[in-house]
PDB file of all heavy atoms in Angstrom:
ATOM      1  N   SER A   1      -9.041 -18.053 -13.233  1.00  0.00           N
ATOM      2  CA  SER A   1      -9.353 -18.081 -11.811  1.00  0.00           C
ATOM      3  C   SER A   1      -9.674 -16.652 -11.389  1.00  0.00           C
ATOM      4  O   SER A   1      -9.575 -15.721 -12.202  1.00  0.00           O
ATOM      5  CB  SER A   1      -8.187 -18.627 -10.978  1.00  0.00           C
ATOM      6  OG  SER A   1      -8.587 -18.808  -9.623  1.00  0.00           O
ATOM      7  N   MET A   2     -10.053 -16.469 -10.152  1.00  0.00           N
ATOM      8  CA  MET A   2     -10.204 -15.105  -9.656  1.00  0.00           C
ATOM      9  C   MET A   2      -8.842 -14.430  -9.700  1.00  0.00           C
ATOM     10  O   MET A   2      -7.801 -15.070  -9.483  1.00  0.00           O
ATOM     11  CB  MET A   2     -10.759 -15.123  -8.233  1.00  0.00           C
ATOM     12  CG  MET A   2     -12.193 -15.614  -8.149  1.00  0.00           C
ATOM     13  SD  MET A   2     -12.838 -15.690  -6.463  1.00  0.00           S
ATOM     14  CE  MET A   2     -12.987 -13.924  -6.087  1.00  0.00           C
ATOM     15  N   ALA A   3      -8.828 -13.142  -9.972  1.00  0.00           N
ATOM     16  CA  ALA A   3      -7.577 -12.419 -10.196  1.00  0.00           C
ATOM     17  C   ALA A   3      -6.602 -12.551  -9.035  1.00  0.00           C
ATOM     18  O   ALA A   3      -5.385 -12.649  -9.237  1.00  0.00           O
ATOM     19  CB  ALA A   3      -7.869 -10.941 -10.472  1.00  0.00           C
ATOM     20  N   VAL A   4      -7.118 -12.556  -7.815  1.00  0.00           N
ATOM     21  CA  VAL A   4      -6.232 -12.631  -6.648  1.00  0.00           C
ATOM     22  C   VAL A   4      -5.449 -13.934  -6.625  1.00  0.00           C
ATOM     23  O   VAL A   4      -4.328 -13.988  -6.119  1.00  0.00           O
ATOM     24  CB  VAL A   4      -7.032 -12.433  -5.348  1.00  0.00           C
ATOM     25  CG1 VAL A   4      -7.920 -13.635  -5.041  1.00  0.00           C
ATOM     26  CG2 VAL A   4      -6.120 -12.101  -4.179  1.00  0.00           C
ATOM     27  N   PHE A   5      -6.029 -14.992  -7.206  1.00  0.00           N
ATOM     28  CA  PHE A   5      -5.335 -16.276  -7.267  1.00  0.00           C
ATOM     29  C   PHE A   5      -4.540 -16.421  -8.565  1.00  0.00           C
ATOM     30  O   PHE A   5      -3.410 -16.907  -8.556  1.00  0.00           O
ATOM     31  CB  PHE A   5      -6.342 -17.421  -7.151  1.00  0.00           C
ATOM     32  CG  PHE A   5      -7.205 -17.352  -5.926  1.00  0.00           C
ATOM     33  CD1 PHE A   5      -8.577 -17.427  -6.023  1.00  0.00           C
ATOM     34  CD2 PHE A   5      -6.638 -17.183  -4.676  1.00  0.00           C
ATOM     35  CE1 PHE A   5      -9.382 -17.351  -4.890  1.00  0.00           C
ATOM     36  CE2 PHE A   5      -7.423 -17.104  -3.538  1.00  0.00           C
ATOM     37  CZ  PHE A   5      -8.810 -17.192  -3.647  1.00  0.00           C
ATOM     38  N   ALA A   6      -5.149 -16.007  -9.676  1.00  0.00           N
ATOM     39  CA  ALA A   6      -4.478 -16.153 -10.971  1.00  0.00           C
ATOM     40  C   ALA A   6      -3.212 -15.312 -11.040  1.00  0.00           C
ATOM     41  O   ALA A   6      -2.162 -15.770 -11.512  1.00  0.00           O
ATOM     42  CB  ALA A   6      -5.427 -15.760 -12.100  1.00  0.00           C
ATOM     43  N   ALA A   7      -3.294 -14.066 -10.569  1.00  0.00           N
ATOM     44  CA  ALA A   7      -2.135 -13.172 -10.628  1.00  0.00           C
ATOM     45  C   ALA A   7      -1.298 -13.224  -9.366  1.00  0.00           C
ATOM     46  O   ALA A   7      -0.087 -12.991  -9.409  1.00  0.00           O
ATOM     47  CB  ALA A   7      -2.598 -11.739 -10.866  1.00  0.00           C
ATOM     48  N   GLY A   8      -1.933 -13.510  -8.236  1.00  0.00           N
ATOM     49  CA  GLY A   8      -1.237 -13.463  -6.952  1.00  0.00           C
ATOM     50  C   GLY A   8      -0.598 -14.775  -6.566  1.00  0.00           C
ATOM     51  O   GLY A   8       0.625 -14.894  -6.476  1.00  0.00           O
ATOM     52  N   ARG A   9      -1.413 -15.783  -6.340  1.00  0.00           N
ATOM     53  CA  ARG A   9      -0.881 -17.070  -5.881  1.00  0.00           C
ATOM     54  C   ARG A   9       0.069 -17.697  -6.898  1.00  0.00           C
ATOM     55  O   ARG A   9       1.055 -18.331  -6.539  1.00  0.00           O
ATOM     56  CB  ARG A   9      -2.041 -18.027  -5.579  1.00  0.00           C
ATOM     57  CG  ARG A   9      -1.597 -19.374  -5.033  1.00  0.00           C
ATOM     58  CD  ARG A   9      -2.791 -20.242  -4.702  1.00  0.00           C
ATOM     59  NE  ARG A   9      -3.553 -19.697  -3.584  1.00  0.00           N
ATOM     60  CZ  ARG A   9      -4.752 -20.155  -3.211  1.00  0.00           C
ATOM     61  NH1 ARG A   9      -5.327 -21.135  -3.901  1.00  0.00           N
ATOM     62  NH2 ARG A   9      -5.380 -19.628  -2.183  1.00  0.00           N
ATOM     63  N   ALA A  10      -0.209 -17.493  -8.170  1.00  0.00           N
ATOM     64  CA  ALA A  10       0.585 -18.151  -9.216  1.00  0.00           C
ATOM     65  C   ALA A  10       1.700 -17.263  -9.763  1.00  0.00           C
ATOM     66  O   ALA A  10       2.338 -17.625 -10.760  1.00  0.00           O
ATOM     67  CB  ALA A  10      -0.334 -18.581 -10.357  1.00  0.00           C
ATOM     68  N   PHE A  11       1.981 -16.140  -9.115  1.00  0.00           N
ATOM     69  CA  PHE A  11       2.881 -15.151  -9.723  1.00  0.00           C
ATOM     70  C   PHE A  11       4.251 -15.720 -10.074  1.00  0.00           C
ATOM     71  O   PHE A  11       4.760 -15.503 -11.175  1.00  0.00           O
ATOM     72  CB  PHE A  11       3.060 -13.944  -8.796  1.00  0.00           C
ATOM     73  CG  PHE A  11       4.089 -12.973  -9.307  1.00  0.00           C
ATOM     74  CD1 PHE A  11       3.800 -12.118 -10.353  1.00  0.00           C
ATOM     75  CD2 PHE A  11       5.376 -12.946  -8.771  1.00  0.00           C
ATOM     76  CE1 PHE A  11       4.748 -11.234 -10.852  1.00  0.00           C
ATOM     77  CE2 PHE A  11       6.332 -12.069  -9.263  1.00  0.00           C
ATOM     78  CZ  PHE A  11       6.011 -11.210 -10.309  1.00  0.00           C
ATOM     79  N   GLU A  12       4.881 -16.433  -9.157  1.00  0.00           N
ATOM     80  CA  GLU A  12       6.254 -16.894  -9.413  1.00  0.00           C
ATOM     81  C   GLU A  12       6.309 -17.856 -10.600  1.00  0.00           C
ATOM     82  O   GLU A  12       7.258 -17.827 -11.396  1.00  0.00           O
ATOM     83  CB  GLU A  12       6.818 -17.552  -8.153  1.00  0.00           C
ATOM     84  CG  GLU A  12       8.298 -17.917  -8.246  1.00  0.00           C
ATOM     85  CD  GLU A  12       8.511 -19.356  -8.715  1.00  0.00           C
ATOM     86  OE1 GLU A  12       7.641 -20.198  -8.461  1.00  0.00           O
ATOM     87  OE2 GLU A  12       9.557 -19.614  -9.349  1.00  0.00           O
ATOM     88  N   ILE A  13       5.267 -18.680 -10.745  1.00  0.00           N
ATOM     89  CA  ILE A  13       5.229 -19.615 -11.877  1.00  0.00           C
ATOM     90  C   ILE A  13       4.992 -18.838 -13.169  1.00  0.00           C
ATOM     91  O   ILE A  13       5.591 -19.151 -14.208  1.00  0.00           O
ATOM     92  CB  ILE A  13       4.130 -20.675 -11.674  1.00  0.00           C
ATOM     93  CG1 ILE A  13       4.185 -21.256 -10.256  1.00  0.00           C
ATOM     94  CG2 ILE A  13       4.269 -21.783 -12.712  1.00  0.00           C
ATOM     95  CD1 ILE A  13       5.488 -21.909  -9.892  1.00  0.00           C
ATOM     96  N   ILE A  14       4.124 -17.835 -13.110  1.00  0.00           N
ATOM     97  CA  ILE A  14       3.913 -16.983 -14.289  1.00  0.00           C
ATOM     98  C   ILE A  14       5.219 -16.308 -14.699  1.00  0.00           C
ATOM     99  O   ILE A  14       5.593 -16.285 -15.874  1.00  0.00           O
ATOM    100  CB  ILE A  14       2.837 -15.921 -14.005  1.00  0.00           C
ATOM    101  CG1 ILE A  14       1.473 -16.580 -13.787  1.00  0.00           C
ATOM    102  CG2 ILE A  14       2.759 -14.908 -15.144  1.00  0.00           C
ATOM    103  CD1 ILE A  14       0.408 -15.636 -13.276  1.00  0.00           C
ATOM    104  N   ARG A  15       5.922 -15.780 -13.723  1.00  0.00           N
ATOM    105  CA  ARG A  15       7.167 -15.067 -14.005  1.00  0.00           C
ATOM    106  C   ARG A  15       8.208 -15.967 -14.657  1.00  0.00           C
ATOM    107  O   ARG A  15       8.776 -15.644 -15.714  1.00  0.00           O
ATOM    108  CB  ARG A  15       7.736 -14.470 -12.716  1.00  0.00           C
ATOM    109  CG  ARG A  15       9.030 -13.690 -12.896  1.00  0.00           C
ATOM    110  CD  ARG A  15       9.626 -13.307 -11.557  1.00  0.00           C
ATOM    111  NE  ARG A  15      10.778 -12.442 -11.721  1.00  0.00           N
ATOM    112  CZ  ARG A  15      12.032 -12.879 -11.963  1.00  0.00           C
ATOM    113  NH1 ARG A  15      12.272 -14.172 -12.081  1.00  0.00           N
ATOM    114  NH2 ARG A  15      13.018 -12.015 -12.087  1.00  0.00           N
ATOM    115  N   ASN A  16       8.471 -17.102 -14.016  1.00  0.00           N
ATOM    116  CA  ASN A  16       9.601 -17.932 -14.432  1.00  0.00           C
ATOM    117  C   ASN A  16       9.270 -18.977 -15.491  1.00  0.00           C
ATOM    118  O   ASN A  16      10.153 -19.378 -16.258  1.00  0.00           O
ATOM    119  CB  ASN A  16      10.212 -18.627 -13.214  1.00  0.00           C
ATOM    120  CG  ASN A  16      10.920 -17.650 -12.296  1.00  0.00           C
ATOM    121  OD1 ASN A  16      11.413 -16.619 -12.733  1.00  0.00           O
ATOM    122  ND2 ASN A  16      10.959 -17.955 -11.009  1.00  0.00           N
ATOM    123  N   SER A  17       8.007 -19.421 -15.541  1.00  0.00           N
ATOM    124  CA  SER A  17       7.657 -20.492 -16.477  1.00  0.00           C
ATOM    125  C   SER A  17       6.890 -20.003 -17.698  1.00  0.00           C
ATOM    126  O   SER A  17       6.725 -20.754 -18.652  1.00  0.00           O
ATOM    127  CB  SER A  17       6.822 -21.570 -15.763  1.00  0.00           C
ATOM    128  OG  SER A  17       7.561 -22.184 -14.734  1.00  0.00           O
ATOM    129  N   VAL A  18       6.410 -18.754 -17.658  1.00  0.00           N
ATOM    130  CA  VAL A  18       5.634 -18.233 -18.786  1.00  0.00           C
ATOM    131  C   VAL A  18       6.254 -16.954 -19.357  1.00  0.00           C
ATOM    132  O   VAL A  18       6.594 -16.894 -20.533  1.00  0.00           O
ATOM    133  CB  VAL A  18       4.166 -17.978 -18.366  1.00  0.00           C
ATOM    134  CG1 VAL A  18       3.403 -17.272 -19.486  1.00  0.00           C
ATOM    135  CG2 VAL A  18       3.484 -19.291 -18.011  1.00  0.00           C
ATOM    136  N   ALA A  19       6.408 -15.924 -18.516  1.00  0.00           N
ATOM    137  CA  ALA A  19       6.891 -14.636 -19.027  1.00  0.00           C
ATOM    138  C   ALA A  19       8.364 -14.705 -19.442  1.00  0.00           C
ATOM    139  O   ALA A  19       8.732 -14.223 -20.518  1.00  0.00           O
ATOM    140  CB  ALA A  19       6.684 -13.548 -17.982  1.00  0.00           C
ATOM    141  N   TYR A  20       9.194 -15.295 -18.589  1.00  0.00           N
ATOM    142  CA  TYR A  20      10.635 -15.361 -18.888  1.00  0.00           C
ATOM    143  C   TYR A  20      10.932 -16.133 -20.178  1.00  0.00           C
ATOM    144  O   TYR A  20      11.669 -15.641 -21.045  1.00  0.00           O
ATOM    145  CB  TYR A  20      11.376 -15.958 -17.695  1.00  0.00           C
ATOM    146  CG  TYR A  20      12.862 -16.112 -17.898  1.00  0.00           C
ATOM    147  CD1 TYR A  20      13.672 -15.000 -18.125  1.00  0.00           C
ATOM    148  CD2 TYR A  20      13.467 -17.368 -17.858  1.00  0.00           C
ATOM    149  CE1 TYR A  20      15.041 -15.143 -18.312  1.00  0.00           C
ATOM    150  CE2 TYR A  20      14.824 -17.523 -18.047  1.00  0.00           C
ATOM    151  CZ  TYR A  20      15.611 -16.407 -18.278  1.00  0.00           C
ATOM    152  OH  TYR A  20      16.961 -16.556 -18.475  1.00  0.00           O
ATOM    153  N   PRO A  21      10.348 -17.325 -20.375  1.00  0.00           N
ATOM    154  CA  PRO A  21      10.595 -18.038 -21.638  1.00  0.00           C
ATOM    155  C   PRO A  21       9.685 -17.592 -22.781  1.00  0.00           C
ATOM    156  O   PRO A  21       9.761 -18.155 -23.881  1.00  0.00           O
ATOM    157  CB  PRO A  21      10.316 -19.500 -21.270  1.00  0.00           C
ATOM    158  CG  PRO A  21       9.327 -19.437 -20.165  1.00  0.00           C
ATOM    159  CD  PRO A  21       9.657 -18.181 -19.395  1.00  0.00           C
ATOM    160  N   TYR A  22       8.838 -16.599 -22.541  1.00  0.00           N
ATOM    161  CA  TYR A  22       7.947 -16.042 -23.564  1.00  0.00           C
ATOM    162  C   TYR A  22       7.080 -17.132 -24.195  1.00  0.00           C
ATOM    163  O   TYR A  22       7.105 -17.371 -25.398  1.00  0.00           O
ATOM    164  CB  TYR A  22       8.760 -15.327 -24.648  1.00  0.00           C
ATOM    165  CG  TYR A  22       7.931 -14.467 -25.575  1.00  0.00           C
ATOM    166  CD1 TYR A  22       7.360 -13.279 -25.125  1.00  0.00           C
ATOM    167  CD2 TYR A  22       7.717 -14.832 -26.894  1.00  0.00           C
ATOM    168  CE1 TYR A  22       6.613 -12.480 -25.973  1.00  0.00           C
ATOM    169  CE2 TYR A  22       6.966 -14.052 -27.751  1.00  0.00           C
ATOM    170  CZ  TYR A  22       6.407 -12.882 -27.286  1.00  0.00           C
ATOM    171  OH  TYR A  22       5.662 -12.088 -28.135  1.00  0.00           O
ATOM    172  N   LEU A  23       6.276 -17.774 -23.353  1.00  0.00           N
ATOM    173  CA  LEU A  23       5.389 -18.824 -23.839  1.00  0.00           C
ATOM    174  C   LEU A  23       3.997 -18.266 -24.122  1.00  0.00           C
ATOM    175  O   LEU A  23       3.553 -17.288 -23.516  1.00  0.00           O
ATOM    176  CB  LEU A  23       5.297 -19.953 -22.822  1.00  0.00           C
ATOM    177  CG  LEU A  23       6.597 -20.731 -22.562  1.00  0.00           C
ATOM    178  CD1 LEU A  23       6.344 -21.899 -21.614  1.00  0.00           C
ATOM    179  CD2 LEU A  23       7.204 -21.236 -23.872  1.00  0.00           C
ATOM    180  N   ASN A  24       3.314 -18.933 -25.016  1.00  0.00           N
ATOM    181  CA  ASN A  24       2.014 -18.466 -25.505  1.00  0.00           C
ATOM    182  C   ASN A  24       0.884 -18.912 -24.572  1.00  0.00           C
ATOM    183  O   ASN A  24      -0.001 -19.669 -24.952  1.00  0.00           O
ATOM    184  CB  ASN A  24       1.785 -18.996 -26.920  1.00  0.00           C
ATOM    185  CG  ASN A  24       0.736 -18.201 -27.667  1.00  0.00           C
ATOM    186  OD1 ASN A  24       0.502 -17.030 -27.376  1.00  0.00           O
ATOM    187  ND2 ASN A  24       0.102 -18.841 -28.637  1.00  0.00           N
ATOM    188  N   VAL A  25       0.923 -18.395 -23.336  1.00  0.00           N
ATOM    189  CA  VAL A  25      -0.065 -18.719 -22.306  1.00  0.00           C
ATOM    190  C   VAL A  25      -0.885 -17.475 -22.004  1.00  0.00           C
ATOM    191  O   VAL A  25      -0.338 -16.375 -21.835  1.00  0.00           O
ATOM    192  CB  VAL A  25       0.624 -19.223 -21.018  1.00  0.00           C
ATOM    193  CG1 VAL A  25      -0.393 -19.398 -19.887  1.00  0.00           C
ATOM    194  CG2 VAL A  25       1.361 -20.531 -21.287  1.00  0.00           C
ATOM    195  N   LYS A  26      -2.189 -17.650 -21.915  1.00  0.00           N
ATOM    196  CA  LYS A  26      -3.105 -16.552 -21.627  1.00  0.00           C
ATOM    197  C   LYS A  26      -3.704 -16.760 -20.229  1.00  0.00           C
ATOM    198  O   LYS A  26      -4.213 -17.836 -19.916  1.00  0.00           O
ATOM    199  CB  LYS A  26      -4.231 -16.486 -22.662  1.00  0.00           C
ATOM    200  CG  LYS A  26      -3.783 -16.742 -24.101  1.00  0.00           C
ATOM    201  CD  LYS A  26      -2.684 -15.802 -24.579  1.00  0.00           C
ATOM    202  CE  LYS A  26      -2.245 -16.168 -26.008  1.00  0.00           C
ATOM    203  NZ  LYS A  26      -1.141 -15.313 -26.485  1.00  0.00           N
ATOM    204  N   ILE A  27      -3.631 -15.732 -19.392  1.00  0.00           N
ATOM    205  CA  ILE A  27      -4.101 -15.807 -18.004  1.00  0.00           C
ATOM    206  C   ILE A  27      -5.287 -14.857 -17.866  1.00  0.00           C
ATOM    207  O   ILE A  27      -5.184 -13.674 -18.218  1.00  0.00           O
ATOM    208  CB  ILE A  27      -2.981 -15.426 -17.028  1.00  0.00           C
ATOM    209  CG1 ILE A  27      -1.795 -16.377 -17.205  1.00  0.00           C
ATOM    210  CG2 ILE A  27      -3.472 -15.464 -15.586  1.00  0.00           C
ATOM    211  CD1 ILE A  27      -0.459 -15.708 -17.040  1.00  0.00           C
ATOM    212  N   VAL A  28      -6.401 -15.369 -17.363  1.00  0.00           N
ATOM    213  CA  VAL A  28      -7.623 -14.578 -17.264  1.00  0.00           C
ATOM    214  C   VAL A  28      -8.005 -14.467 -15.796  1.00  0.00           C
ATOM    215  O   VAL A  28      -8.393 -15.454 -15.159  1.00  0.00           O
ATOM    216  CB  VAL A  28      -8.769 -15.213 -18.077  1.00  0.00           C
ATOM    217  CG1 VAL A  28      -9.971 -14.274 -18.099  1.00  0.00           C
ATOM    218  CG2 VAL A  28      -8.311 -15.543 -19.493  1.00  0.00           C
ATOM    219  N   GLY A  29      -7.881 -13.257 -15.249  1.00  0.00           N
ATOM    220  CA  GLY A  29      -8.213 -13.015 -13.849  1.00  0.00           C
ATOM    221  C   GLY A  29      -9.559 -12.329 -13.729  1.00  0.00           C
ATOM    222  O   GLY A  29      -9.713 -11.171 -14.121  1.00  0.00           O
ATOM    223  N   SER A  30     -10.541 -13.035 -13.203  1.00  0.00           N
ATOM    224  CA  SER A  30     -11.858 -12.429 -13.011  1.00  0.00           C
ATOM    225  C   SER A  30     -11.946 -11.779 -11.631  1.00  0.00           C
ATOM    226  O   SER A  30     -11.071 -11.946 -10.787  1.00  0.00           O
ATOM    227  CB  SER A  30     -12.957 -13.482 -13.166  1.00  0.00           C
ATOM    228  OG  SER A  30     -12.975 -14.363 -12.053  1.00  0.00           O
ATOM    229  N   HIS A  31     -13.015 -11.023 -11.397  1.00  0.00           N
ATOM    230  CA  HIS A  31     -13.244 -10.380 -10.105  1.00  0.00           C
ATOM    231  C   HIS A  31     -12.129  -9.384  -9.754  1.00  0.00           C
ATOM    232  O   HIS A  31     -11.712  -9.269  -8.605  1.00  0.00           O
ATOM    233  CB  HIS A  31     -13.388 -11.413  -8.983  1.00  0.00           C
ATOM    234  CG  HIS A  31     -14.630 -12.245  -9.078  1.00  0.00           C
ATOM    235  ND1 HIS A  31     -14.919 -13.028 -10.189  1.00  0.00           N
ATOM    236  CD2 HIS A  31     -15.654 -12.442  -8.207  1.00  0.00           C
ATOM    237  CE1 HIS A  31     -16.068 -13.654  -9.996  1.00  0.00           C
ATOM    238  NE2 HIS A  31     -16.549 -13.314  -8.815  1.00  0.00           N
ATOM    239  N   GLY A  32     -11.621  -8.683 -10.758  1.00  0.00           N
ATOM    240  CA  GLY A  32     -10.625  -7.657 -10.490  1.00  0.00           C
ATOM    241  C   GLY A  32     -11.230  -6.506  -9.700  1.00  0.00           C
ATOM    242  O   GLY A  32     -12.407  -6.188  -9.842  1.00  0.00           O
ATOM    243  N   GLY A  33     -10.443  -5.893  -8.835  1.00  0.00           N
ATOM    244  CA  GLY A  33     -10.901  -4.748  -8.056  1.00  0.00           C
ATOM    245  C   GLY A  33     -11.660  -5.145  -6.805  1.00  0.00           C
ATOM    246  O   GLY A  33     -11.528  -6.267  -6.307  1.00  0.00           O
ATOM    247  N   ILE A  34     -12.470  -4.224  -6.305  1.00  0.00           N
ATOM    248  CA  ILE A  34     -13.166  -4.446  -5.032  1.00  0.00           C
ATOM    249  C   ILE A  34     -14.596  -4.931  -5.207  1.00  0.00           C
ATOM    250  O   ILE A  34     -15.298  -5.137  -4.220  1.00  0.00           O
ATOM    251  CB  ILE A  34     -13.180  -3.166  -4.170  1.00  0.00           C
ATOM    252  CG1 ILE A  34     -13.897  -2.026  -4.896  1.00  0.00           C
ATOM    253  CG2 ILE A  34     -11.763  -2.777  -3.772  1.00  0.00           C
ATOM    254  CD1 ILE A  34     -14.159  -0.821  -4.019  1.00  0.00           C
TER     255      ILE A  34
END
């Protein structure tokens, strides 16, 4: 998704459902920056 949504809107799910349990999920944020 666009980075603002992939990293921003989904942050809590990324933190608790992916990073914390160390799952093999790849997140691709396009349109980074201005």
